[in-house]
C-alpha cells in the first residue's frame, strides 16, 4: 500500500492544532468551509468541495492534543478505505504535525494531485 506523508513544524500549541484537525470550525479554517464534523469517536465527518467532491470519514480515534484518525467511507473511489492520521508532537516553540494518508492501492494521477 502507498501513503502520502507530510511533516509540518507549526508555531502553535497542541491544543490549537488539535482543534484545527478535530472540529468543524477548525477544519473549515484550512481545508473546506463546507464541513460537518464533531470531535466524537464513531461519528461521521462530511466534507464538501462545491459540487465536485463530497467525502465522508468515520472518526476512528481521537487522543486530545495527540492524535486524530479518520477512515474514508464515501468519496472518490481511490479514497475509499484509506485512512487519514494526524499525530501532534510538542517541540520548542510549537509542535510538529505528522500527517499520513495511508492505504492507497496504487500511485495514480489522482494520488499525485492529492499530494
N, C-alpha and C. Protein backbone atom coordinates (compact mmCIF):
# COMPACT_ATOMS: atom_id res chain seq x y z
N UNK A 1 0.83 -1.19 0.00
CA UNK A 1 0.00 0.00 0.00
C UNK A 1 0.88 1.25 0.00
N UNK A 2 0.33 2.30 -0.54
CA UNK A 2 1.05 3.56 -0.71
C UNK A 2 0.49 4.57 0.29
N UNK A 3 1.33 5.53 0.72
CA UNK A 3 0.89 6.58 1.65
C UNK A 3 1.43 7.93 1.22
N UNK A 4 0.68 8.95 1.54
CA UNK A 4 1.14 10.33 1.43
C UNK A 4 1.54 10.73 2.84
N UNK A 5 2.72 11.32 3.00
CA UNK A 5 3.16 11.74 4.32
C UNK A 5 3.69 13.16 4.26
N UNK A 6 3.38 13.91 5.31
CA UNK A 6 3.90 15.28 5.45
C UNK A 6 4.31 15.50 6.89
N UNK A 7 5.35 16.30 7.09
CA UNK A 7 5.86 16.67 8.40
C UNK A 7 5.89 18.19 8.44
N UNK A 8 5.09 18.78 9.34
CA UNK A 8 4.95 20.23 9.40
C UNK A 8 5.33 20.74 10.78
N UNK A 9 6.23 21.71 10.83
CA UNK A 9 6.52 22.42 12.07
C UNK A 9 5.58 23.61 12.14
N UNK A 10 4.83 23.71 13.24
CA UNK A 10 3.82 24.74 13.37
C UNK A 10 4.04 25.50 14.68
N UNK A 11 4.07 26.80 14.60
CA UNK A 11 4.22 27.62 15.80
C UNK A 11 2.85 27.84 16.42
N UNK A 12 2.35 26.80 17.07
CA UNK A 12 1.05 26.83 17.73
C UNK A 12 1.06 25.76 18.81
N UNK A 13 0.14 25.89 19.74
CA UNK A 13 0.04 24.90 20.82
C UNK A 13 -0.59 23.61 20.32
N UNK A 14 -0.37 22.54 21.06
CA UNK A 14 -1.00 21.27 20.70
C UNK A 14 -2.53 21.38 20.79
N UNK A 15 -3.04 22.21 21.70
CA UNK A 15 -4.48 22.42 21.80
C UNK A 15 -5.03 23.08 20.54
N UNK A 16 -4.33 24.10 20.04
CA UNK A 16 -4.78 24.80 18.83
C UNK A 16 -4.75 23.89 17.61
N UNK A 17 -3.71 23.09 17.50
CA UNK A 17 -3.61 22.17 16.36
C UNK A 17 -4.68 21.09 16.44
N UNK A 18 -4.88 20.53 17.62
CA UNK A 18 -5.93 19.52 17.80
C UNK A 18 -7.29 20.09 17.42
N UNK A 19 -7.59 21.30 17.84
CA UNK A 19 -8.84 21.96 17.49
C UNK A 19 -8.97 22.09 15.97
N UNK A 20 -7.88 22.43 15.30
CA UNK A 20 -7.89 22.64 13.85
C UNK A 20 -8.13 21.35 13.06
N UNK A 21 -7.83 20.20 13.65
CA UNK A 21 -7.99 18.94 12.92
C UNK A 21 -9.13 18.07 13.45
N UNK A 22 -9.85 18.56 14.48
CA UNK A 22 -10.89 17.71 15.05
C UNK A 22 -12.27 18.36 15.12
N UNK A 23 -12.37 19.67 14.88
CA UNK A 23 -13.67 20.35 14.98
C UNK A 23 -14.07 20.94 13.64
N UNK A 24 -15.37 21.14 13.45
CA UNK A 24 -15.86 21.74 12.21
C UNK A 24 -15.26 23.13 12.02
N UNK A 25 -15.25 23.92 13.07
CA UNK A 25 -14.68 25.26 12.99
C UNK A 25 -13.20 25.24 12.59
N UNK A 26 -12.45 24.36 13.23
CA UNK A 26 -11.03 24.26 12.91
C UNK A 26 -10.78 23.77 11.50
N UNK A 27 -11.48 22.72 11.08
CA UNK A 27 -11.30 22.16 9.74
C UNK A 27 -11.69 23.15 8.66
N UNK A 28 -12.74 23.95 8.93
CA UNK A 28 -13.18 24.96 7.96
C UNK A 28 -12.14 26.05 7.77
N UNK A 29 -11.23 26.18 8.71
CA UNK A 29 -10.19 27.19 8.61
C UNK A 29 -9.04 26.84 7.69
N UNK A 30 -8.93 25.56 7.29
CA UNK A 30 -7.79 25.20 6.44
C UNK A 30 -8.11 24.21 5.32
N UNK A 31 -9.26 23.51 5.37
CA UNK A 31 -9.50 22.52 4.32
C UNK A 31 -10.66 22.92 3.43
N UNK A 32 -11.86 22.89 3.94
CA UNK A 32 -13.03 23.35 3.19
C UNK A 32 -14.00 23.99 4.18
N UNK A 33 -14.68 25.02 3.74
CA UNK A 33 -15.63 25.68 4.62
C UNK A 33 -16.94 24.90 4.72
N UNK A 34 -17.14 23.96 3.82
CA UNK A 34 -18.35 23.13 3.82
C UNK A 34 -18.07 21.84 4.58
N UNK A 35 -18.11 21.92 5.89
CA UNK A 35 -17.75 20.77 6.73
C UNK A 35 -18.78 20.58 7.84
N UNK A 36 -19.09 19.33 8.10
CA UNK A 36 -19.89 18.94 9.26
C UNK A 36 -19.01 17.94 10.01
N UNK A 37 -18.63 18.28 11.22
CA UNK A 37 -17.76 17.38 11.99
C UNK A 37 -17.89 17.70 13.46
N UNK A 38 -17.68 16.67 14.25
CA UNK A 38 -17.62 16.86 15.69
C UNK A 38 -16.54 15.94 16.25
N UNK A 39 -15.88 16.36 17.31
CA UNK A 39 -14.80 15.55 17.87
C UNK A 39 -15.34 14.41 18.75
N UNK A 40 -15.96 13.42 18.08
CA UNK A 40 -16.54 12.27 18.76
C UNK A 40 -16.17 11.01 18.00
N UNK A 41 -15.50 10.07 18.67
CA UNK A 41 -15.16 8.81 18.01
C UNK A 41 -16.43 8.11 17.54
N UNK A 42 -16.38 7.57 16.32
CA UNK A 42 -17.52 6.87 15.73
C UNK A 42 -18.45 7.77 14.94
N UNK A 43 -18.28 9.08 15.07
CA UNK A 43 -19.12 10.00 14.30
C UNK A 43 -18.63 10.03 12.85
N UNK A 44 -19.46 10.60 11.98
CA UNK A 44 -19.11 10.72 10.57
C UNK A 44 -18.91 12.20 10.25
N UNK A 45 -17.74 12.52 9.74
CA UNK A 45 -17.43 13.89 9.31
C UNK A 45 -17.68 13.97 7.81
N UNK A 46 -18.28 15.09 7.38
CA UNK A 46 -18.58 15.29 5.96
C UNK A 46 -17.85 16.52 5.45
N UNK A 47 -17.26 16.39 4.27
CA UNK A 47 -16.51 17.47 3.65
C UNK A 47 -16.99 17.64 2.22
N UNK A 48 -17.46 18.84 1.89
CA UNK A 48 -17.89 19.15 0.52
C UNK A 48 -16.94 20.19 -0.07
N UNK A 49 -16.66 19.99 -1.32
CA UNK A 49 -15.85 20.93 -2.09
C UNK A 49 -16.70 21.35 -3.29
N UNK A 50 -17.74 22.15 -2.99
CA UNK A 50 -18.69 22.52 -4.02
C UNK A 50 -19.41 21.29 -4.53
N UNK A 51 -19.69 21.26 -5.82
CA UNK A 51 -20.35 20.11 -6.43
C UNK A 51 -19.35 19.04 -6.86
N UNK A 52 -18.07 19.33 -6.72
CA UNK A 52 -17.05 18.44 -7.25
C UNK A 52 -16.79 17.21 -6.38
N UNK A 53 -16.66 17.41 -5.07
CA UNK A 53 -16.35 16.29 -4.17
C UNK A 53 -17.22 16.36 -2.93
N UNK A 54 -17.64 15.20 -2.44
CA UNK A 54 -18.34 15.08 -1.17
C UNK A 54 -17.77 13.83 -0.50
N UNK A 55 -16.98 14.05 0.54
CA UNK A 55 -16.32 12.95 1.23
C UNK A 55 -16.92 12.77 2.62
N UNK A 56 -16.99 11.51 3.05
CA UNK A 56 -17.41 11.20 4.42
C UNK A 56 -16.32 10.34 5.06
N UNK A 57 -16.01 10.69 6.31
CA UNK A 57 -14.98 9.99 7.07
C UNK A 57 -15.54 9.55 8.41
N UNK A 58 -15.27 8.32 8.79
CA UNK A 58 -15.57 7.88 10.16
C UNK A 58 -14.42 8.38 11.04
N UNK A 59 -14.77 9.01 12.14
CA UNK A 59 -13.75 9.42 13.12
C UNK A 59 -13.41 8.17 13.93
N UNK A 60 -12.27 7.57 13.62
CA UNK A 60 -11.89 6.29 14.22
C UNK A 60 -11.25 6.44 15.60
N UNK A 61 -10.42 7.48 15.76
CA UNK A 61 -9.70 7.61 17.03
C UNK A 61 -9.38 9.06 17.29
N UNK A 62 -9.57 9.46 18.55
CA UNK A 62 -9.22 10.80 19.00
C UNK A 62 -8.45 10.68 20.31
N UNK A 63 -7.28 11.26 20.33
CA UNK A 63 -6.49 11.38 21.56
C UNK A 63 -6.19 12.87 21.69
N UNK A 64 -6.93 13.56 22.57
CA UNK A 64 -6.77 15.01 22.66
C UNK A 64 -5.32 15.46 22.73
N UNK A 65 -5.01 16.46 21.90
CA UNK A 65 -3.70 17.08 21.78
C UNK A 65 -2.62 16.12 21.26
N UNK A 66 -3.02 14.93 20.77
CA UNK A 66 -2.02 13.98 20.29
C UNK A 66 -2.34 13.36 18.92
N UNK A 67 -3.58 12.91 18.72
CA UNK A 67 -3.86 12.13 17.51
C UNK A 67 -5.31 12.23 17.07
N UNK A 68 -5.50 12.26 15.73
CA UNK A 68 -6.81 12.17 15.10
C UNK A 68 -6.68 11.17 13.96
N UNK A 69 -7.64 10.23 13.87
CA UNK A 69 -7.64 9.25 12.78
C UNK A 69 -9.03 9.19 12.16
N UNK A 70 -9.07 9.18 10.82
CA UNK A 70 -10.31 9.03 10.07
C UNK A 70 -10.14 7.89 9.06
N UNK A 71 -11.26 7.30 8.66
CA UNK A 71 -11.30 6.37 7.54
C UNK A 71 -12.34 6.87 6.55
N UNK A 72 -11.96 6.93 5.27
CA UNK A 72 -12.87 7.40 4.23
C UNK A 72 -13.89 6.31 3.91
N UNK A 73 -15.18 6.68 4.02
CA UNK A 73 -16.25 5.72 3.72
C UNK A 73 -17.10 6.16 2.53
N UNK A 74 -16.91 7.41 2.09
CA UNK A 74 -17.60 7.89 0.88
C UNK A 74 -16.75 8.97 0.25
N UNK A 75 -16.62 8.92 -1.06
CA UNK A 75 -15.84 9.91 -1.78
C UNK A 75 -15.32 9.32 -3.07
N UNK A 76 -14.24 9.89 -3.53
CA UNK A 76 -13.61 9.36 -4.73
C UNK A 76 -13.25 7.90 -4.50
N UNK A 77 -13.41 7.08 -5.53
CA UNK A 77 -13.16 5.64 -5.40
C UNK A 77 -11.76 5.34 -4.87
N UNK A 78 -10.78 6.17 -5.24
CA UNK A 78 -9.41 5.92 -4.78
C UNK A 78 -9.22 6.22 -3.30
N UNK A 79 -10.12 7.00 -2.71
CA UNK A 79 -10.03 7.31 -1.27
C UNK A 79 -10.74 6.29 -0.40
N UNK A 80 -11.69 5.54 -0.95
CA UNK A 80 -12.46 4.60 -0.13
C UNK A 80 -11.53 3.62 0.58
N UNK A 81 -11.71 3.51 1.90
CA UNK A 81 -10.89 2.60 2.69
C UNK A 81 -9.53 3.15 3.08
N UNK A 82 -9.20 4.36 2.61
CA UNK A 82 -7.93 4.95 3.02
C UNK A 82 -8.10 5.61 4.39
N UNK A 83 -6.99 5.83 5.05
CA UNK A 83 -7.00 6.39 6.40
C UNK A 83 -6.19 7.66 6.45
N UNK A 84 -6.67 8.60 7.26
CA UNK A 84 -6.00 9.87 7.49
C UNK A 84 -5.55 9.89 8.95
N UNK A 85 -4.27 10.09 9.17
CA UNK A 85 -3.74 10.07 10.53
C UNK A 85 -2.97 11.37 10.77
N UNK A 86 -3.34 12.07 11.83
CA UNK A 86 -2.68 13.30 12.24
C UNK A 86 -2.07 13.05 13.62
N UNK A 87 -0.76 13.13 13.73
CA UNK A 87 -0.08 12.99 15.02
C UNK A 87 0.56 14.32 15.38
N UNK A 88 0.34 14.76 16.62
CA UNK A 88 0.86 16.03 17.11
C UNK A 88 1.95 15.73 18.14
N UNK A 89 3.12 16.34 17.95
CA UNK A 89 4.22 16.19 18.91
C UNK A 89 4.75 17.57 19.27
N UNK A 90 4.87 17.83 20.55
CA UNK A 90 5.39 19.11 21.01
C UNK A 90 6.88 19.24 20.70
N UNK A 91 7.30 20.48 20.43
CA UNK A 91 8.71 20.81 20.25
C UNK A 91 8.89 22.25 20.71
N UNK A 92 10.11 22.67 20.88
CA UNK A 92 10.38 24.04 21.33
C UNK A 92 9.72 25.05 20.41
N UNK A 93 8.90 25.93 20.97
CA UNK A 93 8.26 26.98 20.18
C UNK A 93 7.03 26.57 19.43
N UNK A 94 6.55 25.35 19.60
CA UNK A 94 5.35 24.93 18.88
C UNK A 94 5.20 23.44 18.86
N UNK A 95 4.82 22.91 17.70
CA UNK A 95 4.57 21.47 17.56
C UNK A 95 4.98 21.00 16.17
N UNK A 96 5.12 19.70 16.08
CA UNK A 96 5.28 19.04 14.79
C UNK A 96 3.98 18.29 14.53
N UNK A 97 3.43 18.47 13.34
CA UNK A 97 2.26 17.72 12.92
C UNK A 97 2.72 16.72 11.87
N UNK A 98 2.55 15.44 12.18
CA UNK A 98 2.86 14.38 11.24
C UNK A 98 1.55 13.91 10.64
N UNK A 99 1.42 14.10 9.32
CA UNK A 99 0.20 13.71 8.61
C UNK A 99 0.51 12.53 7.70
N UNK A 100 -0.39 11.54 7.70
CA UNK A 100 -0.26 10.41 6.77
C UNK A 100 -1.65 10.09 6.20
N UNK A 101 -1.72 9.97 4.89
CA UNK A 101 -2.93 9.49 4.22
C UNK A 101 -2.54 8.13 3.66
N UNK A 102 -2.96 7.07 4.37
CA UNK A 102 -2.45 5.72 4.13
C UNK A 102 -3.43 4.83 3.37
N UNK A 103 -2.90 3.69 2.95
CA UNK A 103 -3.67 2.60 2.36
C UNK A 103 -4.19 2.87 0.95
N UNK A 104 -3.51 3.76 0.22
CA UNK A 104 -3.81 3.91 -1.21
C UNK A 104 -3.45 2.59 -1.89
N UNK A 105 -4.25 2.18 -2.84
CA UNK A 105 -3.99 0.93 -3.55
C UNK A 105 -2.86 1.05 -4.56
N UNK A 106 -2.70 2.26 -5.16
CA UNK A 106 -1.66 2.45 -6.15
C UNK A 106 -1.37 3.94 -6.34
N UNK A 107 -0.26 4.23 -6.98
CA UNK A 107 0.10 5.61 -7.30
C UNK A 107 -0.54 5.94 -8.65
N UNK A 108 -1.40 6.96 -8.65
CA UNK A 108 -2.11 7.39 -9.85
C UNK A 108 -1.97 8.90 -9.99
N UNK A 109 -2.53 9.44 -11.04
CA UNK A 109 -2.55 10.89 -11.18
C UNK A 109 -3.36 11.56 -10.07
N UNK A 110 -4.45 10.90 -9.65
CA UNK A 110 -5.26 11.46 -8.55
C UNK A 110 -4.45 11.48 -7.25
N UNK A 111 -3.73 10.39 -7.00
CA UNK A 111 -2.82 10.33 -5.84
C UNK A 111 -1.85 11.51 -5.88
N UNK A 112 -1.25 11.75 -7.03
CA UNK A 112 -0.28 12.85 -7.18
C UNK A 112 -0.94 14.19 -6.94
N UNK A 113 -2.17 14.37 -7.40
CA UNK A 113 -2.86 15.65 -7.19
C UNK A 113 -3.21 15.87 -5.72
N UNK A 114 -3.43 14.81 -4.98
CA UNK A 114 -3.74 14.93 -3.54
C UNK A 114 -2.49 15.19 -2.72
N UNK A 115 -1.35 14.83 -3.27
CA UNK A 115 -0.08 15.02 -2.55
C UNK A 115 0.42 16.42 -2.78
